[in-house]
């Protein structure tokens, strides 16, 4: 998902997506270990999306703290 699309999601949606991605990542890692995974790019794509989500969540928490400014 694009960063702009992720920024439009609520914190709750981002957290649920992060949990889903982590579960999928674990499943794909297991498939990789038993050599059933055909597309290894899925692993890097999920890790990158998780990093984007974590960054956006961190930005939102910092913005909430700077409201008093």
C-alpha atoms as a PDB file:
ATOM      1  CA  UNK A   1       0.000   0.000   0.000  1.00  0.00           C
ATOM      2  CA  UNK A   2       1.178   3.519  -0.704  1.00  0.00           C
ATOM      3  CA  UNK A   3       2.211   5.776   2.155  1.00  0.00           C
ATOM      4  CA  UNK A   4      -0.490   8.341   1.370  1.00  0.00           C
ATOM      5  CA  UNK A   5      -3.141   5.622   1.528  1.00  0.00           C
ATOM      6  CA  UNK A   6      -1.758   4.392   4.839  1.00  0.00           C
ATOM      7  CA  UNK A   7      -1.803   7.923   6.290  1.00  0.00           C
ATOM      8  CA  UNK A   8      -5.549   8.128   5.638  1.00  0.00           C
ATOM      9  CA  UNK A   9      -6.228   5.088   7.851  1.00  0.00           C
ATOM     10  CA  UNK A  10      -7.033   5.413  11.531  1.00  0.00           C
ATOM     11  CA  UNK A  11      -4.654   4.242  14.250  1.00  0.00           C
ATOM     12  CA  UNK A  12      -6.866   1.237  14.938  1.00  0.00           C
ATOM     13  CA  UNK A  13      -6.836   0.218  11.269  1.00  0.00           C
ATOM     14  CA  UNK A  14      -3.067   0.645  11.088  1.00  0.00           C
ATOM     15  CA  UNK A  15      -2.537  -1.510  14.165  1.00  0.00           C
ATOM     16  CA  UNK A  16      -4.802  -4.264  12.860  1.00  0.00           C
ATOM     17  CA  UNK A  17      -3.026  -4.172   9.516  1.00  0.00           C
ATOM     18  CA  UNK A  18       0.326  -4.394  11.302  1.00  0.00           C
ATOM     19  CA  UNK A  19      -0.813  -7.464  13.248  1.00  0.00           C
ATOM     20  CA  UNK A  20      -2.100  -9.101  10.067  1.00  0.00           C
ATOM     21  CA  UNK A  21       1.180  -8.377   8.296  1.00  0.00           C
ATOM     22  CA  UNK A  22       3.196  -9.867  11.145  1.00  0.00           C
ATOM     23  CA  UNK A  23       1.108 -13.046  11.047  1.00  0.00           C
ATOM     24  CA  UNK A  24       1.505 -13.283   7.273  1.00  0.00           C
ATOM     25  CA  UNK A  25       5.223 -12.658   7.564  1.00  0.00           C
ATOM     26  CA  UNK A  26       5.559 -15.497  10.048  1.00  0.00           C
ATOM     27  CA  UNK A  27       3.592 -17.807   7.733  1.00  0.00           C
ATOM     28  CA  UNK A  28       5.756 -16.884   4.729  1.00  0.00           C
ATOM     29  CA  UNK A  29       8.962 -17.350   6.720  1.00  0.00           C
ATOM     30  CA  UNK A  30       7.826 -20.836   7.633  1.00  0.00           C
ATOM     31  CA  UNK A  31       7.050 -21.597   3.982  1.00  0.00           C
ATOM     32  CA  UNK A  32      10.486 -20.296   3.039  1.00  0.00           C
ATOM     33  CA  UNK A  33      12.170 -22.548   5.583  1.00  0.00           C
ATOM     34  CA  UNK A  34      10.507 -25.652   4.161  1.00  0.00           C
ATOM     35  CA  UNK A  35      11.142 -24.366   0.632  1.00  0.00           C
ATOM     36  CA  UNK A  36       7.513 -23.995  -0.412  1.00  0.00           C
ATOM     37  CA  UNK A  37       7.611 -20.236  -0.960  1.00  0.00           C
ATOM     38  CA  UNK A  38       7.836 -19.345  -4.628  1.00  0.00           C
ATOM     39  CA  UNK A  39       7.915 -15.542  -4.457  1.00  0.00           C
ATOM     40  CA  UNK A  40      10.508 -14.279  -1.971  1.00  0.00           C
ATOM     41  CA  UNK A  41       9.670 -10.656  -2.740  1.00  0.00           C
ATOM     42  CA  UNK A  42       6.583 -11.009  -0.554  1.00  0.00           C
ATOM     43  CA  UNK A  43       8.821 -11.130   2.524  1.00  0.00           C
ATOM     44  CA  UNK A  44      10.595  -7.871   1.756  1.00  0.00           C
ATOM     45  CA  UNK A  45       7.335  -6.173   0.739  1.00  0.00           C
ATOM     46  CA  UNK A  46       5.712  -7.093   4.053  1.00  0.00           C
ATOM     47  CA  UNK A  47       8.735  -5.914   6.041  1.00  0.00           C
ATOM     48  CA  UNK A  48       8.731  -2.608   4.171  1.00  0.00           C
ATOM     49  CA  UNK A  49       5.003  -2.100   4.725  1.00  0.00           C
ATOM     50  CA  UNK A  50       5.452  -2.836   8.432  1.00  0.00           C
ATOM     51  CA  UNK A  51       8.197  -0.218   8.582  1.00  0.00           C
ATOM     52  CA  UNK A  52       5.933   2.315   6.854  1.00  0.00           C
ATOM     53  CA  UNK A  53       3.099   1.600   9.283  1.00  0.00           C
ATOM     54  CA  UNK A  54       5.390   1.902  12.303  1.00  0.00           C
ATOM     55  CA  UNK A  55       6.738   5.201  10.977  1.00  0.00           C
ATOM     56  CA  UNK A  56       3.257   6.616  10.421  1.00  0.00           C
ATOM     57  CA  UNK A  57       2.114   5.526  13.895  1.00  0.00           C
ATOM     58  CA  UNK A  58       5.184   7.176  15.417  1.00  0.00           C
ATOM     59  CA  UNK A  59       4.560  10.389  13.454  1.00  0.00           C
ATOM     60  CA  UNK A  60       0.964  10.474  14.670  1.00  0.00           C
ATOM     61  CA  UNK A  61       1.991  10.068  18.310  1.00  0.00           C
ATOM     62  CA  UNK A  62       4.577  12.840  17.942  1.00  0.00           C
ATOM     63  CA  UNK A  63       2.004  15.130  16.310  1.00  0.00           C
ATOM     64  CA  UNK A  64      -0.437  14.537  19.172  1.00  0.00           C
ATOM     65  CA  UNK A  65       2.279  15.550  21.639  1.00  0.00           C
ATOM     66  CA  UNK A  66       3.046  18.771  19.759  1.00  0.00           C
ATOM     67  CA  UNK A  67      -0.500  20.095  19.743  1.00  0.00           C
ATOM     68  CA  UNK A  68       0.249  22.308  22.752  1.00  0.00           C
ATOM     69  CA  UNK A  69       3.188  23.523  20.737  1.00  0.00           C
END
